[in-house]
Amino acid sequence: MIPFGHCLQLWRKKRGMSQALLAQKAGVPQPNLSAMERGEREVSLRTLRALALALDIPAGVLADGVGPDIEKPLVLTRDRLERIAQAVTDGKSLADPQEKKLARGAALLVKGRLRAAGHRGKGFIPDVSTKTPWRSIAAAYRPEEIQSLVERISEKAAVYDPGPRGKNK
């Protein structure tokens, strides 16, 4: 189960709709829809039904926080976490489509933070609520699993980051 706003946004994007189009179809002001997606506005039963109808899904799907195409998550073994973290730090592609998706999402979030931290920032928790690519990942994986992946990426980036003399650590 994912938060209502995340679920709503995932379904809207899955249907290829802008906020303006969904708002129009559901008869909801666009600023209100935006606030709903951010989790800043409560939703009435009437609005929930209108949004579900506009998205062509049962209202219970939105109410229960069931996102579209939530794949059964990978079992994140130590080897798999290492492989994904290595792919993110090296920029290499992975053969497994689910690993590739997880690596792509991790790269979108982590690379900017690692750059900002000089490739030495460790122990941070990704803010999954503000990153759209992370919403489906956050729905599928436990926070501890995401944290473990982020820490491994941070460690690998620190190992491969040239120091002040241009040498690897």
Foldseek 3Di string as FASTA:
>chain_A
DAQLLLQLVLLCVVLVHDLVQLCVQLVHPSVQNVCVNLVNDDDDPSSLCSSCVSSVHDSVCSVVSPHPPLDQADDCDPVLLLVLLVCLLVVHADDDPRSRLVSVQLNVQQVVVCVVVVLQDADDQTPLSVDSSSSSVPVNDPSVSSNVSSRSNSVVSQQQRQDPVGDGD
